[in-house]
Amino acid sequence: MQQGDTVAIVSPSGPPSAVLLGRGVERLEGLGLKVVVGAHALDRQSLDYLAGDDAARAADLQAAWCDPAVSAVFCCRGGYGAGRLLGLLDWDAMRAAGPKVLLGSSDITALHNAFAIELGVPTLHGPMAACDVVAGDEEGPEPRTWESLRRALFDVVPPVHGDRVLAPGRAEGVVSGGNLSLLASMCGTRWQPSFSERIAFLEDVGEEPYRIDRMLTQLLQAGVFDGVRGIALGSWVGCGDPYPVLEDRLGALGVPVVAGLPVGHGSPQMSLWLGALGVIDTESCSLADLRGNEEQAR
């Protein structure tokens, strides 16, 4: 991307705050981007955890992706609801539109995973237009979060460092994954994830350790981790102490595991390209982006 590009903001999941959305638009414009907001971005419906009807949310997303004037589609916020759209999208039309940037996190994991399978494009796991770290403070976005997003959009992404190693080693592979709950929810569907020959990135929020155990066990038993090259673990805000269960469930896979990366929920929220080549190095406890060489890993 470059300054002057047009970004469309849509609401595939939960309803955003109009105040935070307006503030987020102003801050993205401050990066030199032109911003348009989807027609249904501020809709509401009887299910108050959804930003409008499924058909309207899907229409906004598809229209933005298929608009040749739009270079990137940014999601307003997470919450719940993106998975409900997957069967409503015209994947052939979206495939014909060519690659562009999809930005989001949390519930947007459903789109990250489906876009990888259906469109084969890298997507950006990062802070959303109406989220707290971008728009929650009147004084400005959280500085480290904002700089990471700016660099992910316009520049080279620096390595993201964690704070602990659960299993030593070094591994290269295309980075895949996102929110653990969403990945588990896609098992048994057309969009079931696979980490074969890849680096798995996982994070979650508000989940007790036994629920993390249950979801990891589901993914393991479904074969999602078969052939995984390495694992990068992000934030686990409100999850108690998740590390004993993470080590118990993932340590036996025999691949490098770095943990404590500030990617996911909480603050800061560093940006991470999914569907792009990355490398785990446990000596530096980092996940580095080698984007541009992803075809070598496929």
Protein backbone atom coordinates (compact mmCIF):
# COMPACT_ATOMS: atom_id res chain seq x y z
CA MET A 1 0.00 0.00 0.00
CA GLN A 2 0.93 3.65 -0.29
CA GLN A 3 -0.37 7.03 0.74
CA GLY A 4 -3.38 8.07 -1.28
CA ASP A 5 -4.80 4.56 -1.46
CA THR A 6 -8.46 4.04 -0.63
CA VAL A 7 -9.46 1.95 2.40
CA ALA A 8 -13.01 0.67 2.93
CA ILE A 9 -14.18 0.07 6.51
CA VAL A 10 -16.82 -2.62 7.05
CA SER A 11 -18.48 -4.34 10.01
CA PRO A 12 -18.53 -8.13 9.45
CA SER A 13 -18.97 -8.94 13.15
CA GLY A 14 -20.18 -6.92 16.13
CA PRO A 15 -21.61 -3.39 16.08
CA PRO A 16 -19.00 -0.64 16.44
CA SER A 17 -19.27 2.55 18.46
CA ALA A 18 -20.04 5.42 16.11
CA VAL A 19 -17.72 7.67 18.13
CA LEU A 20 -14.80 5.23 17.96
CA LEU A 21 -15.41 4.57 14.29
CA GLY A 22 -15.34 8.27 13.50
CA ARG A 23 -12.14 8.68 15.44
CA GLY A 24 -10.58 5.69 13.72
CA VAL A 25 -11.46 7.12 10.30
CA GLU A 26 -9.73 10.39 11.18
CA ARG A 27 -6.61 8.57 12.32
CA LEU A 28 -6.40 6.46 9.18
CA GLU A 29 -6.82 9.62 7.11
CA GLY A 30 -3.88 10.98 9.10
CA LEU A 31 -1.77 8.22 7.53
CA GLY A 32 -2.57 9.68 4.11
CA LEU A 33 -5.26 7.14 3.28
CA LYS A 34 -8.63 7.87 1.70
CA VAL A 35 -11.33 6.23 3.80
CA VAL A 36 -14.83 5.16 2.82
CA VAL A 37 -17.25 3.50 5.25
CA GLY A 38 -19.55 0.66 4.24
CA ALA A 39 -23.21 1.55 3.85
CA HIS A 40 -24.23 -0.83 6.64
CA ALA A 41 -21.26 -0.37 8.99
CA LEU A 42 -23.40 1.18 11.73
CA ASP A 43 -26.50 -0.97 11.25
CA ARG A 44 -28.20 -2.72 14.15
CA GLN A 45 -30.65 -5.61 14.35
CA SER A 46 -32.63 -7.63 16.89
CA LEU A 47 -29.57 -9.75 17.71
CA ASP A 48 -27.68 -6.89 19.30
CA TYR A 49 -24.32 -8.63 19.10
CA LEU A 50 -24.39 -8.37 15.29
CA ALA A 51 -23.75 -5.25 13.21
CA GLY A 52 -26.85 -5.57 11.06
CA ASP A 53 -28.29 -8.43 9.03
CA ASP A 54 -25.98 -11.11 7.68
CA ALA A 55 -26.86 -10.27 4.08
CA ALA A 56 -26.08 -6.58 4.58
CA ARG A 57 -22.78 -7.25 6.31
CA ALA A 58 -21.76 -9.71 3.60
CA ALA A 59 -22.79 -7.25 0.88
CA ASP A 60 -20.62 -4.50 2.37
CA LEU A 61 -17.63 -6.82 2.62
CA GLN A 62 -18.01 -8.16 -0.91
CA ALA A 63 -18.65 -4.75 -2.44
CA ALA A 64 -15.54 -3.33 -0.79
CA TRP A 65 -13.36 -6.25 -1.86
CA CYS A 66 -14.63 -6.15 -5.45
CA ASP A 67 -14.36 -2.36 -5.84
CA PRO A 68 -11.30 -1.70 -8.04
CA ALA A 69 -10.82 1.69 -6.38
CA VAL A 70 -10.32 0.06 -2.95
CA SER A 71 -6.84 -1.15 -2.00
CA ALA A 72 -7.66 -2.45 1.48
CA VAL A 73 -10.65 -3.56 3.53
CA PHE A 74 -10.40 -2.78 7.26
CA CYS A 75 -12.79 -4.31 9.77
CA CYS A 76 -14.39 -2.10 12.44
CA ARG A 77 -14.16 -4.52 15.35
CA GLY A 78 -14.45 -8.16 16.34
CA GLY A 79 -17.02 -9.63 18.69
CA TYR A 80 -18.99 -12.27 16.82
CA GLY A 81 -20.57 -12.82 13.43
CA ALA A 82 -17.95 -13.04 10.67
CA GLY A 83 -18.34 -16.80 10.38
CA ARG A 84 -22.03 -16.36 9.53
CA LEU A 85 -21.03 -14.57 6.31
CA LEU A 86 -18.82 -17.23 4.74
CA GLY A 87 -21.61 -19.03 2.92
CA LEU A 88 -23.08 -15.75 1.65
CA LEU A 89 -20.00 -14.45 -0.17
CA ASP A 90 -19.49 -14.88 -3.91
CA TRP A 91 -15.98 -16.31 -3.74
CA ASP A 92 -15.64 -16.45 -7.53
CA ALA A 93 -16.33 -12.72 -7.83
CA MET A 94 -13.97 -11.94 -4.96
CA ARG A 95 -11.28 -14.13 -6.49
CA ALA A 96 -11.65 -12.26 -9.79
CA ALA A 97 -11.18 -8.93 -7.99
CA GLY A 98 -7.54 -9.80 -7.32
CA PRO A 99 -5.47 -9.41 -4.15
CA LYS A 100 -5.76 -6.55 -1.70
CA VAL A 101 -5.36 -6.10 2.06
CA LEU A 102 -7.81 -7.45 4.63
CA LEU A 103 -7.16 -6.13 8.16
CA GLY A 104 -8.71 -7.41 11.36
CA SER A 105 -8.29 -9.72 14.34
CA SER A 106 -10.24 -11.72 16.93
CA ASP A 107 -13.53 -12.79 15.28
CA ILE A 108 -12.07 -11.75 11.91
CA THR A 109 -10.02 -14.96 12.16
CA ALA A 110 -12.97 -16.57 10.34
CA LEU A 111 -12.28 -14.30 7.37
CA HIS A 112 -8.50 -14.69 7.55
CA ASN A 113 -8.84 -18.45 7.35
CA ALA A 114 -11.50 -18.44 4.64
CA PHE A 115 -9.66 -15.85 2.53
CA ALA A 116 -6.52 -18.00 2.69
CA ILE A 117 -8.45 -21.07 1.52
CA GLU A 118 -10.72 -19.42 -1.05
CA LEU A 119 -8.57 -16.57 -2.38
CA GLY A 120 -5.00 -17.57 -1.51
CA VAL A 121 -4.09 -14.05 -0.42
CA PRO A 122 -2.05 -12.89 2.60
CA THR A 123 -4.13 -10.99 5.17
CA LEU A 124 -3.14 -8.70 8.00
CA HIS A 125 -3.86 -9.64 11.63
CA GLY A 126 -3.92 -6.31 13.42
CA PRO A 127 -5.87 -3.62 15.28
CA MET A 128 -9.23 -2.56 13.88
CA ALA A 129 -10.60 0.85 13.04
CA ALA A 130 -12.99 1.17 16.00
CA CYS A 131 -11.01 -0.76 18.62
CA ASP A 132 -9.71 0.76 21.85
CA VAL A 133 -6.00 0.77 20.99
CA VAL A 134 -6.69 2.71 17.79
CA ALA A 135 -9.63 4.96 18.73
CA GLY A 136 -10.33 4.56 22.44
CA ASP A 137 -8.11 7.41 23.64
CA GLU A 138 -8.90 10.97 22.59
CA GLU A 139 -5.19 11.80 22.74
CA GLY A 140 -4.25 9.31 20.05
CA PRO A 141 -3.76 5.62 19.26
CA GLU A 142 -1.53 3.42 21.39
CA PRO A 143 1.91 4.36 19.96
CA ARG A 144 3.51 0.91 19.57
CA THR A 145 0.32 -0.50 18.07
CA TRP A 146 0.02 2.36 15.61
CA GLU A 147 3.65 2.24 14.52
CA SER A 148 3.43 -1.52 13.98
CA LEU A 149 0.31 -1.08 11.85
CA ARG A 150 1.88 1.75 9.85
CA ARG A 151 4.95 -0.35 9.11
CA ALA A 152 2.85 -3.40 8.20
CA LEU A 153 0.91 -1.32 5.67
CA PHE A 154 3.70 0.77 4.14
CA ASP A 155 7.07 -0.65 5.16
CA VAL A 156 8.94 -3.74 6.33
CA VAL A 157 7.51 -5.36 9.45
CA PRO A 158 10.12 -5.80 12.21
CA PRO A 159 10.27 -9.07 14.19
CA VAL A 160 7.78 -9.49 17.02
CA HIS A 161 9.40 -10.65 20.26
CA GLY A 162 7.84 -12.84 22.90
CA ASP A 163 8.81 -13.33 26.52
CA ARG A 164 9.25 -17.10 26.82
CA VAL A 165 10.19 -20.25 24.92
CA LEU A 166 8.11 -23.39 25.44
CA ALA A 167 10.15 -25.55 23.05
CA PRO A 168 13.50 -24.60 21.46
CA GLY A 169 14.46 -24.48 17.80
CA ARG A 170 14.08 -22.59 14.54
CA ALA A 171 11.42 -23.00 11.88
CA GLU A 172 10.30 -21.34 8.67
CA GLY A 173 6.87 -21.54 7.12
CA VAL A 174 3.84 -19.61 6.01
CA VAL A 175 2.15 -18.15 9.10
CA SER A 176 -1.48 -19.17 9.64
CA GLY A 177 -4.01 -19.04 12.44
CA GLY A 178 -5.45 -16.39 14.69
CA ASN A 179 -7.99 -16.65 17.47
CA LEU A 180 -8.10 -20.15 18.95
CA SER A 181 -11.87 -20.14 19.59
CA LEU A 182 -12.62 -19.23 15.97
CA LEU A 183 -10.21 -21.80 14.58
CA ALA A 184 -11.82 -24.52 16.70
CA SER A 185 -15.29 -23.40 15.58
CA MET A 186 -14.32 -23.94 11.93
CA CYS A 187 -13.42 -27.61 12.40
CA GLY A 188 -15.68 -29.84 10.32
CA THR A 189 -16.57 -27.04 7.91
CA ARG A 190 -15.44 -26.29 4.37
CA TRP A 191 -13.01 -23.82 5.96
CA GLN A 192 -11.34 -26.15 8.48
CA PRO A 193 -7.83 -24.82 9.13
CA SER A 194 -4.64 -26.77 8.47
CA PHE A 195 -1.17 -25.99 9.79
CA SER A 196 0.62 -28.54 7.61
CA GLU A 197 4.07 -27.19 6.64
CA ARG A 198 3.16 -23.91 8.34
CA ILE A 199 3.81 -21.85 11.45
CA ALA A 200 0.69 -21.78 13.63
CA PHE A 201 -0.16 -18.51 15.36
CA LEU A 202 -2.65 -18.72 18.23
CA GLU A 203 -4.16 -16.28 20.74
CA ASP A 204 -7.37 -15.83 22.70
CA VAL A 205 -9.16 -13.73 25.30
CA GLY A 206 -11.33 -14.55 28.31
CA GLU A 207 -10.94 -18.33 28.10
CA GLU A 208 -10.24 -20.49 31.15
CA PRO A 209 -7.30 -22.89 30.80
CA TYR A 210 -9.57 -25.94 30.64
CA ARG A 211 -11.40 -24.39 27.67
CA ILE A 212 -8.08 -23.72 25.96
CA ASP A 213 -7.27 -27.39 26.61
CA ARG A 214 -10.59 -28.44 25.04
CA MET A 215 -10.08 -26.35 21.91
CA LEU A 216 -6.48 -27.43 21.41
CA THR A 217 -7.50 -31.05 21.91
CA GLN A 218 -10.20 -30.62 19.27
CA LEU A 219 -7.70 -29.18 16.79
CA LEU A 220 -5.18 -31.92 17.55
CA GLN A 221 -7.74 -34.68 17.15
CA ALA A 222 -8.99 -33.14 13.90
CA GLY A 223 -5.45 -33.27 12.48
CA VAL A 224 -5.12 -29.50 12.18
CA PHE A 225 -1.59 -29.58 13.67
CA ASP A 226 -0.38 -32.49 11.50
CA GLY A 227 2.87 -31.41 9.83
CA VAL A 228 3.12 -28.08 11.66
CA ARG A 229 6.62 -26.57 11.53
CA GLY A 230 6.46 -24.25 14.54
CA ILE A 231 4.08 -22.42 16.85
CA ALA A 232 3.91 -18.75 17.86
CA LEU A 233 1.65 -17.87 20.78
CA GLY A 234 0.27 -14.37 21.19
CA SER A 235 -1.69 -12.72 23.99
CA TRP A 236 -3.99 -14.60 26.40
CA VAL A 237 -5.76 -11.70 28.12
CA GLY A 238 -8.14 -12.82 30.86
CA CYS A 239 -7.13 -16.49 30.46
CA GLY A 240 -5.56 -17.02 33.89
CA ASP A 241 -2.25 -18.86 33.52
CA PRO A 242 -2.56 -20.60 30.12
CA TYR A 243 1.06 -21.74 29.84
CA PRO A 244 0.86 -25.12 31.62
CA VAL A 245 -1.90 -26.28 29.28
CA LEU A 246 -0.24 -24.74 26.21
CA GLU A 247 2.97 -26.58 27.01
CA ASP A 248 1.12 -29.80 27.82
CA ARG A 249 -0.90 -29.82 24.59
CA LEU A 250 1.67 -28.37 22.17
CA GLY A 251 5.04 -29.38 23.61
CA ALA A 252 4.73 -32.98 22.43
CA LEU A 253 4.54 -31.90 18.79
CA GLY A 254 8.33 -31.60 18.72
CA VAL A 255 8.47 -28.19 17.02
CA PRO A 256 9.73 -24.80 18.22
CA VAL A 257 7.23 -22.83 20.32
CA VAL A 258 7.64 -19.15 21.23
CA ALA A 259 5.12 -17.45 23.50
CA GLY A 260 4.15 -14.08 24.91
CA LEU A 261 4.07 -12.22 21.59
CA PRO A 262 2.04 -8.99 21.95
CA VAL A 263 -0.29 -9.95 19.11
CA GLY A 264 -4.02 -10.41 19.61
CA HIS A 265 -5.91 -8.66 22.41
CA GLY A 266 -4.75 -6.23 25.07
CA SER A 267 -2.20 -3.47 24.54
CA PRO A 268 -0.07 -3.17 22.53
CA GLN A 269 -1.44 -5.07 19.54
CA MET A 270 1.33 -5.66 17.05
CA SER A 271 0.43 -6.39 13.43
CA LEU A 272 1.24 -9.74 11.83
CA TRP A 273 0.91 -10.88 8.23
CA LEU A 274 -0.88 -14.21 7.84
CA GLY A 275 -0.35 -16.22 4.66
CA ALA A 276 3.19 -14.87 4.37
CA LEU A 277 6.51 -16.56 5.05
CA GLY A 278 7.75 -16.21 8.62
CA VAL A 279 10.51 -17.61 10.77
CA ILE A 280 10.51 -18.58 14.44
CA ASP A 281 13.83 -18.20 16.24
CA THR A 282 13.76 -19.24 19.88
CA GLU A 283 17.24 -17.83 20.57
CA SER A 284 15.78 -14.34 20.07
CA CYS A 285 12.27 -15.50 21.09
CA SER A 286 10.82 -13.93 17.97
CA LEU A 287 8.62 -14.38 14.95
CA ALA A 288 9.99 -12.51 11.94
CA ASP A 289 8.13 -11.63 8.73
CA LEU A 290 9.86 -12.72 5.53
CA ARG A 291 7.02 -11.49 3.33
CA GLY A 292 7.85 -11.42 -0.34
CA ASN A 293 9.33 -14.91 -0.25
CA GLU A 294 6.17 -16.76 0.67
CA GLU A 295 6.01 -18.62 -2.63
CA GLN A 296 9.23 -20.41 -1.69
CA ALA A 297 7.43 -22.02 1.24
CA ARG A 298 4.45 -23.34 -0.68
